[in-house]
N, C-alpha and C. Protein backbone atom coordinates (compact mmCIF):
# COMPACT_ATOMS: atom_id res chain seq x y z
N VAL A 1 72.71 95.79 87.36
CA VAL A 1 73.18 96.84 88.27
C VAL A 1 73.72 98.00 87.45
N GLN A 2 73.39 99.19 87.88
CA GLN A 2 73.85 100.40 87.19
C GLN A 2 74.38 101.38 88.21
N LEU A 3 75.54 101.98 87.90
CA LEU A 3 76.09 103.05 88.71
C LEU A 3 76.02 104.33 87.89
N GLN A 4 75.25 105.28 88.36
CA GLN A 4 75.03 106.53 87.63
C GLN A 4 75.71 107.67 88.37
N ALA A 5 76.74 108.22 87.74
CA ALA A 5 77.50 109.31 88.34
C ALA A 5 77.05 110.65 87.77
N SER A 6 77.18 111.67 88.58
CA SER A 6 76.84 113.03 88.14
C SER A 6 77.67 114.03 88.92
N GLY A 7 77.71 115.27 88.42
CA GLY A 7 78.35 116.34 89.16
C GLY A 7 79.66 116.84 88.59
N GLY A 8 80.16 116.21 87.55
CA GLY A 8 81.40 116.69 86.97
C GLY A 8 81.20 118.00 86.22
N GLY A 9 82.29 118.56 85.73
CA GLY A 9 82.18 119.80 84.98
C GLY A 9 83.49 120.54 84.94
N LEU A 10 83.39 121.81 84.56
CA LEU A 10 84.55 122.70 84.44
C LEU A 10 84.58 123.65 85.62
N VAL A 11 85.73 123.76 86.27
CA VAL A 11 85.86 124.63 87.43
C VAL A 11 87.25 125.26 87.40
N GLN A 12 87.34 126.45 87.98
CA GLN A 12 88.62 127.12 88.04
C GLN A 12 89.49 126.56 89.16
N HIS A 13 90.78 126.74 89.00
CA HIS A 13 91.74 126.34 90.02
C HIS A 13 91.33 126.94 91.37
N GLY A 14 91.30 126.07 92.40
CA GLY A 14 90.90 126.51 93.72
C GLY A 14 89.42 126.35 94.01
N GLY A 15 88.66 125.99 93.00
CA GLY A 15 87.22 125.84 93.16
C GLY A 15 86.82 124.48 93.71
N SER A 16 85.52 124.25 93.74
CA SER A 16 84.97 123.02 94.33
C SER A 16 83.95 122.39 93.39
N LEU A 17 83.84 121.08 93.51
CA LEU A 17 82.81 120.30 92.84
C LEU A 17 82.39 119.18 93.77
N ARG A 18 81.16 118.71 93.56
CA ARG A 18 80.65 117.58 94.33
C ARG A 18 80.14 116.53 93.35
N LEU A 19 80.69 115.35 93.43
CA LEU A 19 80.25 114.23 92.61
C LEU A 19 79.31 113.33 93.42
N SER A 20 78.35 112.77 92.71
CA SER A 20 77.43 111.81 93.31
C SER A 20 77.34 110.58 92.43
N CYS A 21 77.08 109.45 93.05
CA CYS A 21 76.92 108.21 92.29
C CYS A 21 75.89 107.34 93.00
N VAL A 22 74.89 106.94 92.24
CA VAL A 22 73.82 106.10 92.77
C VAL A 22 73.91 104.73 92.14
N ALA A 23 73.88 103.71 92.97
CA ALA A 23 73.84 102.33 92.49
C ALA A 23 72.41 101.83 92.53
N SER A 24 72.00 101.20 91.45
CA SER A 24 70.63 100.71 91.39
C SER A 24 70.60 99.32 90.74
N GLY A 25 69.52 98.60 90.99
CA GLY A 25 69.39 97.26 90.45
C GLY A 25 69.13 96.26 91.55
N SER A 26 69.34 94.99 91.24
CA SER A 26 69.07 93.92 92.20
C SER A 26 70.25 93.73 93.15
N ILE A 27 70.42 94.72 94.03
CA ILE A 27 71.56 94.77 94.94
C ILE A 27 71.17 94.20 96.29
N LEU A 28 71.98 93.29 96.79
CA LEU A 28 71.76 92.74 98.13
C LEU A 28 72.50 93.58 99.17
N SER A 29 73.76 93.87 98.89
CA SER A 29 74.53 94.73 99.79
C SER A 29 75.72 95.30 99.04
N ILE A 30 76.15 96.47 99.51
CA ILE A 30 77.32 97.12 98.90
C ILE A 30 78.42 97.19 99.95
N ASN A 31 79.56 96.60 99.64
CA ASN A 31 80.68 96.64 100.57
C ASN A 31 81.41 97.97 100.42
N ASP A 32 82.30 98.05 99.46
CA ASP A 32 83.05 99.29 99.22
C ASP A 32 82.35 100.12 98.14
N MET A 33 82.39 101.41 98.31
CA MET A 33 82.02 102.36 97.25
C MET A 33 83.09 103.43 97.20
N GLY A 34 83.31 103.97 96.01
CA GLY A 34 84.32 105.00 95.94
C GLY A 34 84.52 105.55 94.56
N TRP A 35 85.64 106.24 94.40
CA TRP A 35 85.94 106.95 93.17
C TRP A 35 87.37 106.67 92.73
N TYR A 36 87.51 106.47 91.43
CA TYR A 36 88.80 106.38 90.77
C TYR A 36 88.84 107.48 89.72
N ARG A 37 90.04 107.77 89.25
CA ARG A 37 90.15 108.75 88.16
C ARG A 37 91.23 108.33 87.20
N GLN A 38 91.04 108.80 85.96
CA GLN A 38 91.99 108.48 84.91
C GLN A 38 92.22 109.71 84.06
N ALA A 39 93.46 110.19 84.07
CA ALA A 39 93.85 111.32 83.23
C ALA A 39 94.33 110.77 81.89
N PRO A 40 94.33 111.59 80.84
CA PRO A 40 94.77 111.13 79.53
C PRO A 40 96.18 110.54 79.57
N GLY A 41 96.32 109.35 79.03
CA GLY A 41 97.63 108.71 78.97
C GLY A 41 98.09 108.07 80.26
N LYS A 42 97.23 108.06 81.28
CA LYS A 42 97.61 107.50 82.57
C LYS A 42 96.67 106.37 82.96
N GLN A 43 97.07 105.62 83.95
CA GLN A 43 96.24 104.52 84.42
C GLN A 43 95.15 105.05 85.34
N ARG A 44 94.16 104.22 85.56
CA ARG A 44 93.08 104.57 86.48
C ARG A 44 93.55 104.32 87.90
N ASP A 45 93.45 105.34 88.74
CA ASP A 45 93.94 105.26 90.12
C ASP A 45 92.83 105.55 91.12
N LEU A 46 92.98 104.98 92.29
CA LEU A 46 92.04 105.24 93.37
C LEU A 46 92.14 106.69 93.82
N VAL A 47 90.98 107.32 94.01
CA VAL A 47 90.93 108.64 94.63
C VAL A 47 90.54 108.49 96.10
N ALA A 48 89.42 107.82 96.33
CA ALA A 48 88.93 107.61 97.69
C ALA A 48 87.89 106.51 97.68
N ASP A 49 87.86 105.75 98.75
CA ASP A 49 86.79 104.78 98.90
C ASP A 49 86.37 104.69 100.36
N ILE A 50 85.18 104.12 100.57
CA ILE A 50 84.59 104.05 101.89
C ILE A 50 83.84 102.74 102.01
N THR A 51 84.07 102.04 103.11
CA THR A 51 83.38 100.78 103.33
C THR A 51 81.98 101.02 103.89
N ARG A 52 81.20 99.97 103.94
CA ARG A 52 79.87 100.09 104.48
C ARG A 52 79.90 100.54 105.93
N GLY A 53 80.95 100.14 106.63
CA GLY A 53 81.08 100.52 108.03
C GLY A 53 81.68 101.90 108.24
N GLY A 54 82.13 102.53 107.16
CA GLY A 54 82.61 103.89 107.27
C GLY A 54 84.12 104.06 107.27
N SER A 55 84.87 102.98 107.06
CA SER A 55 86.32 103.12 106.95
C SER A 55 86.66 103.75 105.60
N ILE A 56 87.59 104.71 105.65
CA ILE A 56 87.89 105.53 104.47
C ILE A 56 89.35 105.44 104.10
N ASN A 57 89.59 105.46 102.80
CA ASN A 57 90.94 105.45 102.27
C ASN A 57 91.03 106.54 101.20
N TYR A 58 92.09 107.38 101.28
CA TYR A 58 92.30 108.45 100.31
C TYR A 58 93.66 108.27 99.62
N ALA A 59 93.72 108.70 98.38
CA ALA A 59 95.01 108.86 97.73
C ALA A 59 95.74 110.01 98.42
N ASP A 60 97.05 109.90 98.52
CA ASP A 60 97.82 110.94 99.19
C ASP A 60 97.61 112.31 98.55
N SER A 61 97.44 112.33 97.25
CA SER A 61 97.35 113.59 96.52
C SER A 61 96.07 114.37 96.83
N VAL A 62 95.07 113.73 97.41
CA VAL A 62 93.80 114.42 97.66
C VAL A 62 93.50 114.58 99.15
N LYS A 63 94.34 114.02 100.00
CA LYS A 63 94.09 114.13 101.44
C LYS A 63 94.03 115.59 101.86
N GLY A 64 93.03 115.91 102.66
CA GLY A 64 92.85 117.27 103.14
C GLY A 64 92.06 118.16 102.20
N ARG A 65 91.81 117.69 100.98
CA ARG A 65 91.07 118.49 100.01
C ARG A 65 89.75 117.82 99.60
N PHE A 66 89.76 116.51 99.52
CA PHE A 66 88.58 115.75 99.10
C PHE A 66 87.98 115.03 100.30
N THR A 67 86.66 114.89 100.26
CA THR A 67 85.96 114.14 101.31
C THR A 67 84.97 113.18 100.65
N VAL A 68 85.11 111.91 100.99
CA VAL A 68 84.18 110.89 100.48
C VAL A 68 83.19 110.55 101.58
N SER A 69 81.94 110.33 101.17
CA SER A 69 80.90 109.94 102.12
C SER A 69 79.89 109.08 101.38
N ARG A 70 79.04 108.41 102.14
CA ARG A 70 78.03 107.57 101.50
C ARG A 70 76.76 107.55 102.33
N ASP A 71 75.67 107.28 101.63
CA ASP A 71 74.37 107.11 102.27
C ASP A 71 73.94 105.68 101.96
N ASN A 72 74.08 104.80 102.92
CA ASN A 72 73.80 103.39 102.68
C ASN A 72 72.34 103.14 102.32
N ALA A 73 71.45 103.91 102.89
CA ALA A 73 70.02 103.74 102.61
C ALA A 73 69.68 104.08 101.16
N LYS A 74 70.48 104.96 100.58
CA LYS A 74 70.24 105.40 99.20
C LYS A 74 71.21 104.78 98.20
N ASN A 75 72.10 103.89 98.67
CA ASN A 75 73.11 103.29 97.79
C ASN A 75 73.87 104.35 97.01
N THR A 76 74.24 105.39 97.70
CA THR A 76 74.86 106.56 97.05
C THR A 76 76.19 106.89 97.72
N VAL A 77 77.16 107.24 96.89
CA VAL A 77 78.46 107.70 97.37
C VAL A 77 78.70 109.10 96.80
N TYR A 78 79.35 109.93 97.61
CA TYR A 78 79.62 111.31 97.24
C TYR A 78 81.12 111.58 97.31
N LEU A 79 81.55 112.56 96.54
CA LEU A 79 82.93 113.02 96.63
C LEU A 79 82.91 114.55 96.59
N GLN A 80 83.19 115.15 97.73
CA GLN A 80 83.30 116.61 97.80
C GLN A 80 84.76 116.97 97.50
N MET A 81 84.96 117.76 96.47
CA MET A 81 86.31 118.11 96.04
C MET A 81 86.50 119.61 96.21
N ASN A 82 87.41 119.97 97.10
CA ASN A 82 87.72 121.38 97.36
C ASN A 82 89.16 121.67 96.95
N SER A 83 89.46 122.94 96.82
CA SER A 83 90.81 123.37 96.45
C SER A 83 91.32 122.61 95.24
N LEU A 84 90.49 122.53 94.22
CA LEU A 84 90.84 121.74 93.04
C LEU A 84 92.05 122.33 92.33
N GLN A 85 92.89 121.43 91.86
CA GLN A 85 94.11 121.79 91.16
C GLN A 85 94.05 121.27 89.73
N ILE A 86 94.85 121.85 88.88
CA ILE A 86 94.86 121.44 87.48
C ILE A 86 95.16 119.95 87.36
N GLU A 87 95.99 119.44 88.25
CA GLU A 87 96.36 118.02 88.23
C GLU A 87 95.18 117.11 88.57
N ASP A 88 94.08 117.67 89.06
CA ASP A 88 92.90 116.86 89.36
C ASP A 88 92.06 116.61 88.11
N THR A 89 92.40 117.24 87.02
CA THR A 89 91.67 117.04 85.78
C THR A 89 91.76 115.58 85.33
N ALA A 90 90.60 114.97 85.15
CA ALA A 90 90.54 113.56 84.79
C ALA A 90 89.08 113.16 84.59
N VAL A 91 88.90 111.94 84.10
CA VAL A 91 87.58 111.33 84.13
C VAL A 91 87.46 110.58 85.45
N TYR A 92 86.43 110.86 86.18
CA TYR A 92 86.21 110.24 87.49
C TYR A 92 85.18 109.12 87.35
N TYR A 93 85.55 107.95 87.86
CA TYR A 93 84.71 106.77 87.76
C TYR A 93 84.23 106.35 89.14
N CYS A 94 82.94 106.13 89.23
CA CYS A 94 82.37 105.57 90.44
C CYS A 94 82.60 104.06 90.45
N HIS A 95 82.88 103.53 91.62
CA HIS A 95 83.13 102.09 91.77
C HIS A 95 82.36 101.55 92.95
N ALA A 96 81.90 100.34 92.81
CA ALA A 96 81.25 99.65 93.93
C ALA A 96 81.62 98.17 93.89
N TYR A 97 81.90 97.64 95.06
CA TYR A 97 82.09 96.19 95.20
C TYR A 97 80.86 95.70 95.94
N LEU A 98 80.00 95.00 95.21
CA LEU A 98 78.70 94.71 95.78
C LEU A 98 78.23 93.29 95.48
N LEU A 99 77.23 92.91 96.23
CA LEU A 99 76.65 91.57 96.13
C LEU A 99 75.25 91.68 95.55
N ARG A 100 75.04 90.96 94.49
CA ARG A 100 73.71 90.88 93.88
C ARG A 100 73.03 89.61 94.31
N TRP A 101 71.74 89.61 94.22
CA TRP A 101 70.97 88.41 94.52
C TRP A 101 71.38 87.27 93.57
N GLY A 102 71.78 86.15 94.14
CA GLY A 102 72.07 84.97 93.35
C GLY A 102 73.45 84.91 92.73
N THR A 103 74.34 85.90 93.05
CA THR A 103 75.68 85.89 92.46
C THR A 103 76.71 86.15 93.55
N ASN A 104 77.98 86.01 93.18
CA ASN A 104 79.05 86.38 94.09
C ASN A 104 79.29 87.88 94.03
N ALA A 105 79.94 88.42 95.04
CA ALA A 105 80.29 89.84 95.04
C ALA A 105 81.26 90.13 93.89
N ALA A 106 81.11 91.32 93.31
CA ALA A 106 81.94 91.68 92.17
C ALA A 106 82.09 93.20 92.09
N ASP A 107 83.01 93.62 91.23
CA ASP A 107 83.26 95.04 91.00
C ASP A 107 82.33 95.56 89.91
N TYR A 108 81.81 96.76 90.15
CA TYR A 108 80.98 97.44 89.15
C TYR A 108 81.48 98.88 89.01
N TRP A 109 81.34 99.39 87.77
CA TRP A 109 81.86 100.72 87.45
C TRP A 109 80.77 101.58 86.83
N GLY A 110 80.83 102.87 87.15
CA GLY A 110 79.97 103.83 86.47
C GLY A 110 80.57 104.24 85.14
N GLN A 111 79.87 105.12 84.45
CA GLN A 111 80.25 105.49 83.09
C GLN A 111 81.35 106.54 83.04
N GLY A 112 81.66 107.15 84.15
CA GLY A 112 82.68 108.19 84.17
C GLY A 112 82.09 109.58 83.99
N THR A 113 82.64 110.52 84.73
CA THR A 113 82.23 111.92 84.59
C THR A 113 83.49 112.78 84.53
N GLN A 114 83.51 113.70 83.58
CA GLN A 114 84.70 114.52 83.34
C GLN A 114 84.79 115.66 84.34
N VAL A 115 85.95 115.81 84.93
CA VAL A 115 86.26 116.96 85.78
C VAL A 115 87.44 117.68 85.15
N THR A 116 87.24 118.95 84.84
CA THR A 116 88.29 119.75 84.23
C THR A 116 88.55 120.97 85.08
N VAL A 117 89.79 121.15 85.48
CA VAL A 117 90.18 122.29 86.30
C VAL A 117 91.02 123.22 85.45
N SER A 118 90.59 124.47 85.34
CA SER A 118 91.30 125.44 84.51
C SER A 118 92.11 126.40 85.37
N SER A 119 93.10 126.99 84.76
CA SER A 119 93.97 127.93 85.50
C SER A 119 93.38 129.33 85.54
């Protein structure tokens, strides 16, 4: 199984970015998909996640600015980030809790994509 994230980059304060992550491989079903982030010297924290049924959870710091969505048919999760702030600068990691053929459900992570917000 591979989670391939894209869409990071450099943006000015107040700008927008859209992250995408595609899960591929011998996947039977994907329960949760979402995004975590890790700033230098800090732990990796949840940004937003969404269940297969569409239930969503956001970190308080991004509520009203970020929107998570997914396309179950494409095994893809998106993160629309608006009104970006310098504090949003971090490496963003795609996450999926999924079931593979012949195994138990487990956590999988993408490689991370850098988001840098400048003043």
